[in-house]
N, C-alpha and C. Protein backbone atom coordinates (compact mmCIF):
# COMPACT_ATOMS: atom_id res chain seq x y z
N MET A 1 10.69 4.80 -0.51
CA MET A 1 11.73 3.79 -0.48
C MET A 1 11.35 2.74 0.57
N THR A 2 11.57 1.48 0.31
CA THR A 2 11.26 0.44 1.28
C THR A 2 12.47 0.19 2.16
N ASN A 3 12.24 -0.55 3.24
CA ASN A 3 13.31 -0.89 4.19
C ASN A 3 14.01 0.36 4.73
N THR A 4 13.24 1.32 5.18
CA THR A 4 13.83 2.55 5.70
C THR A 4 13.55 2.69 7.19
N THR A 5 13.58 1.58 7.90
CA THR A 5 13.25 1.57 9.31
C THR A 5 14.20 2.46 10.11
N GLU A 6 13.61 3.30 10.94
CA GLU A 6 14.41 4.05 11.89
C GLU A 6 14.38 3.29 13.20
N THR A 7 15.49 3.17 13.84
CA THR A 7 15.56 2.44 15.09
C THR A 7 16.44 3.18 16.07
N SER A 8 16.20 2.97 17.35
CA SER A 8 16.98 3.66 18.36
C SER A 8 18.25 2.88 18.71
N PHE A 9 18.31 1.59 18.35
CA PHE A 9 19.50 0.79 18.63
C PHE A 9 20.54 1.01 17.55
N ALA A 10 21.64 1.62 17.90
CA ALA A 10 22.69 1.91 16.93
C ALA A 10 23.74 0.81 16.97
N PRO A 11 24.06 0.22 15.83
CA PRO A 11 25.05 -0.86 15.81
C PRO A 11 26.49 -0.38 16.00
N VAL A 12 26.75 0.90 15.76
CA VAL A 12 28.10 1.45 15.93
C VAL A 12 28.04 2.67 16.85
N SER A 13 29.21 3.07 17.34
CA SER A 13 29.29 4.27 18.17
C SER A 13 30.47 5.12 17.72
N PHE A 14 30.46 6.37 18.14
CA PHE A 14 31.51 7.32 17.80
C PHE A 14 32.11 7.89 19.09
N THR A 15 33.41 8.12 19.08
CA THR A 15 34.04 8.81 20.19
C THR A 15 33.73 10.30 20.07
N PRO A 16 33.89 11.07 21.15
CA PRO A 16 33.70 12.51 21.04
C PRO A 16 34.58 13.15 19.97
N GLY A 17 35.80 12.67 19.80
CA GLY A 17 36.68 13.21 18.76
C GLY A 17 36.15 12.95 17.36
N ALA A 18 35.57 11.78 17.14
CA ALA A 18 34.99 11.44 15.84
C ALA A 18 33.76 12.31 15.57
N ILE A 19 32.93 12.51 16.57
CA ILE A 19 31.74 13.36 16.42
C ILE A 19 32.16 14.77 16.04
N LYS A 20 33.17 15.30 16.72
CA LYS A 20 33.64 16.66 16.45
C LYS A 20 34.15 16.77 15.01
N GLU A 21 34.94 15.81 14.55
CA GLU A 21 35.50 15.85 13.20
C GLU A 21 34.41 15.66 12.15
N LEU A 22 33.47 14.75 12.36
CA LEU A 22 32.38 14.54 11.40
C LEU A 22 31.51 15.77 11.27
N THR A 23 31.22 16.42 12.40
CA THR A 23 30.43 17.65 12.37
C THR A 23 31.17 18.74 11.61
N LYS A 24 32.47 18.84 11.85
CA LYS A 24 33.30 19.84 11.15
C LYS A 24 33.30 19.57 9.64
N LEU A 25 33.48 18.31 9.24
CA LEU A 25 33.50 17.95 7.82
C LEU A 25 32.15 18.25 7.16
N LYS A 26 31.07 17.93 7.86
CA LYS A 26 29.74 18.17 7.30
C LYS A 26 29.52 19.67 7.07
N ASP A 27 29.95 20.48 8.02
CA ASP A 27 29.80 21.93 7.89
C ASP A 27 30.70 22.49 6.79
N GLN A 28 31.95 22.04 6.74
CA GLN A 28 32.90 22.55 5.74
C GLN A 28 32.48 22.19 4.33
N GLN A 29 31.95 20.99 4.14
CA GLN A 29 31.58 20.52 2.81
C GLN A 29 30.14 20.89 2.45
N GLU A 30 29.46 21.56 3.36
CA GLU A 30 28.08 21.98 3.15
C GLU A 30 27.21 20.82 2.64
N ILE A 31 27.23 19.73 3.41
CA ILE A 31 26.47 18.52 3.07
C ILE A 31 24.97 18.81 3.20
N ALA A 32 24.20 18.45 2.18
CA ALA A 32 22.76 18.68 2.18
C ALA A 32 22.06 17.86 3.26
N GLU A 33 20.91 18.34 3.70
CA GLU A 33 20.16 17.68 4.77
C GLU A 33 19.70 16.27 4.40
N ASN A 34 19.51 15.99 3.10
CA ASN A 34 19.05 14.66 2.71
C ASN A 34 20.20 13.65 2.65
N PHE A 35 21.40 14.05 3.04
CA PHE A 35 22.54 13.14 3.10
C PHE A 35 22.79 12.74 4.55
N GLY A 36 23.33 11.56 4.72
CA GLY A 36 23.74 11.08 6.03
C GLY A 36 25.11 10.45 5.90
N LEU A 37 25.64 10.02 7.02
CA LEU A 37 26.95 9.38 7.03
C LEU A 37 26.76 7.89 6.75
N ARG A 38 27.32 7.41 5.65
CA ARG A 38 27.24 5.99 5.33
C ARG A 38 28.37 5.27 6.05
N VAL A 39 28.00 4.25 6.83
CA VAL A 39 28.95 3.37 7.49
C VAL A 39 28.67 1.98 6.96
N GLY A 40 29.70 1.33 6.43
CA GLY A 40 29.48 0.01 5.87
C GLY A 40 30.78 -0.70 5.56
N VAL A 41 30.65 -1.76 4.78
CA VAL A 41 31.81 -2.55 4.36
C VAL A 41 31.69 -2.83 2.87
N GLU A 42 32.82 -3.13 2.27
CA GLU A 42 32.86 -3.58 0.88
C GLU A 42 34.01 -4.57 0.75
N GLY A 43 33.89 -5.46 -0.21
CA GLY A 43 34.95 -6.43 -0.44
C GLY A 43 36.20 -5.75 -0.96
N GLY A 44 37.35 -6.28 -0.56
CA GLY A 44 38.62 -5.74 -1.04
C GLY A 44 39.59 -5.50 0.08
N GLY A 45 40.65 -4.84 -0.23
CA GLY A 45 41.67 -4.56 0.77
C GLY A 45 42.56 -5.76 1.01
N CYS A 46 43.63 -5.55 1.73
CA CYS A 46 44.60 -6.62 1.94
C CYS A 46 44.11 -7.68 2.92
N ALA A 47 43.08 -7.40 3.72
CA ALA A 47 42.57 -8.38 4.67
C ALA A 47 41.21 -8.94 4.27
N GLY A 48 40.63 -8.49 3.15
CA GLY A 48 39.39 -9.07 2.65
C GLY A 48 38.20 -8.13 2.58
N MET A 49 38.08 -7.20 3.55
CA MET A 49 36.96 -6.26 3.55
C MET A 49 37.49 -4.88 3.93
N ASN A 50 36.93 -3.84 3.30
CA ASN A 50 37.27 -2.45 3.61
C ASN A 50 36.10 -1.80 4.31
N TYR A 51 36.41 -0.87 5.20
CA TYR A 51 35.36 -0.05 5.81
C TYR A 51 34.95 1.05 4.84
N VAL A 52 33.67 1.41 4.87
CA VAL A 52 33.13 2.51 4.09
C VAL A 52 32.67 3.57 5.08
N LEU A 53 33.12 4.81 4.88
CA LEU A 53 32.73 5.92 5.74
C LEU A 53 32.70 7.17 4.89
N GLY A 54 31.52 7.73 4.68
CA GLY A 54 31.40 8.93 3.86
C GLY A 54 29.96 9.38 3.77
N PHE A 55 29.75 10.63 3.42
CA PHE A 55 28.40 11.17 3.32
C PHE A 55 27.75 10.71 2.02
N ASP A 56 26.48 10.30 2.12
CA ASP A 56 25.78 9.69 1.00
C ASP A 56 24.28 9.85 1.21
N GLN A 57 23.51 9.59 0.15
CA GLN A 57 22.05 9.59 0.25
C GLN A 57 21.58 8.19 0.65
N LYS A 58 20.40 8.13 1.22
CA LYS A 58 19.82 6.86 1.63
C LYS A 58 19.53 6.00 0.41
N LYS A 59 19.81 4.70 0.52
CA LYS A 59 19.61 3.77 -0.59
C LYS A 59 18.70 2.63 -0.15
N GLU A 60 18.22 1.89 -1.14
CA GLU A 60 17.39 0.72 -0.89
C GLU A 60 18.12 -0.24 0.06
N GLY A 61 17.42 -0.70 1.08
CA GLY A 61 18.00 -1.64 2.03
C GLY A 61 18.71 -0.99 3.21
N ASP A 62 18.80 0.34 3.22
CA ASP A 62 19.46 1.04 4.32
C ASP A 62 18.54 1.16 5.52
N GLN A 63 19.16 1.14 6.69
CA GLN A 63 18.49 1.54 7.91
C GLN A 63 19.09 2.88 8.31
N GLU A 64 18.29 3.68 8.97
CA GLU A 64 18.74 5.01 9.39
C GLU A 64 18.81 5.06 10.90
N PHE A 65 19.90 5.60 11.40
CA PHE A 65 20.11 5.75 12.84
C PHE A 65 20.51 7.20 13.10
N ILE A 66 20.14 7.71 14.25
CA ILE A 66 20.64 9.00 14.71
C ILE A 66 21.58 8.67 15.86
N ILE A 67 22.87 8.89 15.66
CA ILE A 67 23.89 8.57 16.65
C ILE A 67 24.57 9.87 17.06
N ASP A 68 24.38 10.26 18.30
CA ASP A 68 24.97 11.50 18.82
C ASP A 68 24.71 12.69 17.89
N GLY A 69 23.49 12.76 17.37
CA GLY A 69 23.10 13.87 16.52
C GLY A 69 23.49 13.74 15.06
N ILE A 70 24.14 12.65 14.69
CA ILE A 70 24.57 12.44 13.30
C ILE A 70 23.67 11.39 12.66
N LYS A 71 23.10 11.74 11.50
CA LYS A 71 22.27 10.80 10.74
C LYS A 71 23.20 9.80 10.07
N VAL A 72 22.97 8.50 10.36
CA VAL A 72 23.83 7.43 9.85
C VAL A 72 22.98 6.48 9.02
N TYR A 73 23.49 6.12 7.84
CA TYR A 73 22.87 5.10 6.99
C TYR A 73 23.75 3.87 6.98
N MET A 74 23.11 2.71 7.15
CA MET A 74 23.84 1.45 7.09
C MET A 74 22.94 0.40 6.45
N HIS A 75 23.47 -0.29 5.46
CA HIS A 75 22.72 -1.38 4.84
C HIS A 75 22.55 -2.49 5.89
N LYS A 76 21.36 -3.08 5.92
CA LYS A 76 21.06 -4.10 6.92
C LYS A 76 22.08 -5.24 6.92
N ALA A 77 22.55 -5.64 5.75
CA ALA A 77 23.47 -6.78 5.66
C ALA A 77 24.85 -6.48 6.27
N HIS A 78 25.19 -5.22 6.44
CA HIS A 78 26.51 -4.86 6.96
C HIS A 78 26.56 -4.88 8.49
N GLN A 79 25.40 -4.88 9.12
CA GLN A 79 25.36 -4.79 10.57
C GLN A 79 26.05 -5.96 11.26
N MET A 80 25.98 -7.15 10.69
CA MET A 80 26.62 -8.30 11.34
C MET A 80 28.14 -8.17 11.37
N TYR A 81 28.71 -7.42 10.45
CA TYR A 81 30.16 -7.20 10.43
C TYR A 81 30.58 -6.04 11.32
N LEU A 82 29.65 -5.13 11.61
CA LEU A 82 30.00 -3.88 12.28
C LEU A 82 29.41 -3.72 13.68
N LEU A 83 28.58 -4.65 14.12
CA LEU A 83 27.90 -4.54 15.41
C LEU A 83 28.92 -4.37 16.54
N GLY A 84 28.77 -3.30 17.29
CA GLY A 84 29.66 -3.03 18.42
C GLY A 84 30.90 -2.24 18.07
N MET A 85 31.08 -1.87 16.81
CA MET A 85 32.28 -1.15 16.38
C MET A 85 32.24 0.30 16.88
N GLN A 86 33.41 0.80 17.27
CA GLN A 86 33.56 2.19 17.66
C GLN A 86 34.47 2.90 16.65
N ILE A 87 34.01 4.05 16.19
CA ILE A 87 34.77 4.85 15.24
C ILE A 87 35.38 6.02 15.99
N ASP A 88 36.67 6.22 15.81
CA ASP A 88 37.41 7.27 16.52
C ASP A 88 38.11 8.15 15.50
N TRP A 89 38.54 9.32 15.95
CA TRP A 89 39.34 10.24 15.14
C TRP A 89 40.68 10.42 15.83
N GLN A 90 41.76 10.15 15.11
CA GLN A 90 43.11 10.35 15.62
C GLN A 90 43.72 11.56 14.95
N ASP A 91 44.34 12.41 15.74
CA ASP A 91 44.94 13.62 15.19
C ASP A 91 46.31 13.84 15.83
N GLY A 92 47.13 12.79 15.77
CA GLY A 92 48.45 12.88 16.39
C GLY A 92 49.56 12.95 15.37
N LEU A 93 50.78 12.92 15.87
CA LEU A 93 51.96 12.97 15.00
C LEU A 93 52.11 11.70 14.17
N ASN A 94 51.77 10.56 14.75
CA ASN A 94 51.97 9.28 14.06
C ASN A 94 50.75 8.83 13.27
N ALA A 95 49.59 9.34 13.61
CA ALA A 95 48.38 8.90 12.92
C ALA A 95 47.39 10.05 12.84
N ARG A 96 46.74 10.15 11.69
CA ARG A 96 45.69 11.15 11.51
C ARG A 96 44.61 10.53 10.64
N GLY A 97 43.40 10.52 11.15
CA GLY A 97 42.29 9.98 10.40
C GLY A 97 41.36 9.18 11.28
N PHE A 98 40.34 8.62 10.66
CA PHE A 98 39.37 7.82 11.39
C PHE A 98 39.93 6.42 11.60
N THR A 99 39.68 5.88 12.78
CA THR A 99 40.09 4.52 13.10
C THR A 99 38.86 3.72 13.48
N PHE A 100 38.93 2.42 13.29
CA PHE A 100 37.79 1.53 13.47
C PHE A 100 38.17 0.44 14.48
N ASN A 101 37.53 0.44 15.63
CA ASN A 101 37.74 -0.58 16.64
C ASN A 101 36.58 -1.56 16.53
N ASN A 102 36.80 -2.65 15.79
CA ASN A 102 35.74 -3.59 15.46
C ASN A 102 35.94 -4.90 16.21
N PRO A 103 35.06 -5.22 17.17
CA PRO A 103 35.21 -6.48 17.92
C PRO A 103 34.93 -7.72 17.07
N ASN A 104 34.36 -7.56 15.88
CA ASN A 104 34.05 -8.68 15.00
C ASN A 104 35.20 -9.06 14.08
N ALA A 105 36.21 -8.21 14.00
CA ALA A 105 37.33 -8.45 13.09
C ALA A 105 38.27 -9.51 13.67
N ALA A 106 38.47 -10.58 12.92
CA ALA A 106 39.41 -11.61 13.34
C ALA A 106 40.84 -11.13 13.15
N SER A 107 41.06 -10.33 12.13
CA SER A 107 42.37 -9.73 11.89
C SER A 107 42.17 -8.46 11.07
N SER A 108 43.16 -7.60 11.10
CA SER A 108 43.11 -6.38 10.30
C SER A 108 44.49 -6.11 9.73
N CYS A 109 44.53 -5.24 8.73
CA CYS A 109 45.80 -4.92 8.10
C CYS A 109 46.48 -3.77 8.84
N GLY A 110 47.67 -3.45 8.46
CA GLY A 110 48.43 -2.39 9.11
C GLY A 110 47.83 -1.02 8.94
N CYS A 111 47.12 -0.78 7.84
CA CYS A 111 46.53 0.54 7.62
C CYS A 111 45.28 0.76 8.45
N GLY A 112 44.66 -0.31 8.96
CA GLY A 112 43.48 -0.18 9.80
C GLY A 112 42.17 0.02 9.07
N THR A 113 42.18 0.00 7.74
CA THR A 113 40.95 0.19 7.00
C THR A 113 40.47 -1.10 6.35
N SER A 114 41.17 -2.19 6.56
CA SER A 114 40.81 -3.47 5.98
C SER A 114 40.81 -4.52 7.09
N PHE A 115 39.86 -5.47 7.01
CA PHE A 115 39.76 -6.49 8.06
C PHE A 115 39.19 -7.77 7.49
N SER A 116 39.29 -8.84 8.29
CA SER A 116 38.65 -10.10 7.93
C SER A 116 37.86 -10.57 9.14
N VAL A 117 36.86 -11.42 8.88
CA VAL A 117 36.01 -11.94 9.96
C VAL A 117 36.18 -13.43 10.09
């Protein structure tokens, strides 16, 4: 596959809570070794773009990063939207799930999974 550069500079980061939850999900779902965590964006949502977060195989145009022991795949074109973003895991009474703290987002929707730049 072309464009499979491995680099030590990771465009996103994870909180310890997110690392713990991602590791737990990977173990529970018995994710194969050739899969990594896809972090990206796609058009849609109430604010214009949705975050993508899920286990997937490497695709054409992806870059691979190892972030806190987690193999991450991100398409090169998505990095400009996600550079500096921190992914967290919330497990409280009012919120449960992954949250995205993106310094590039000009606005986001109430659900926190959609943003605009």
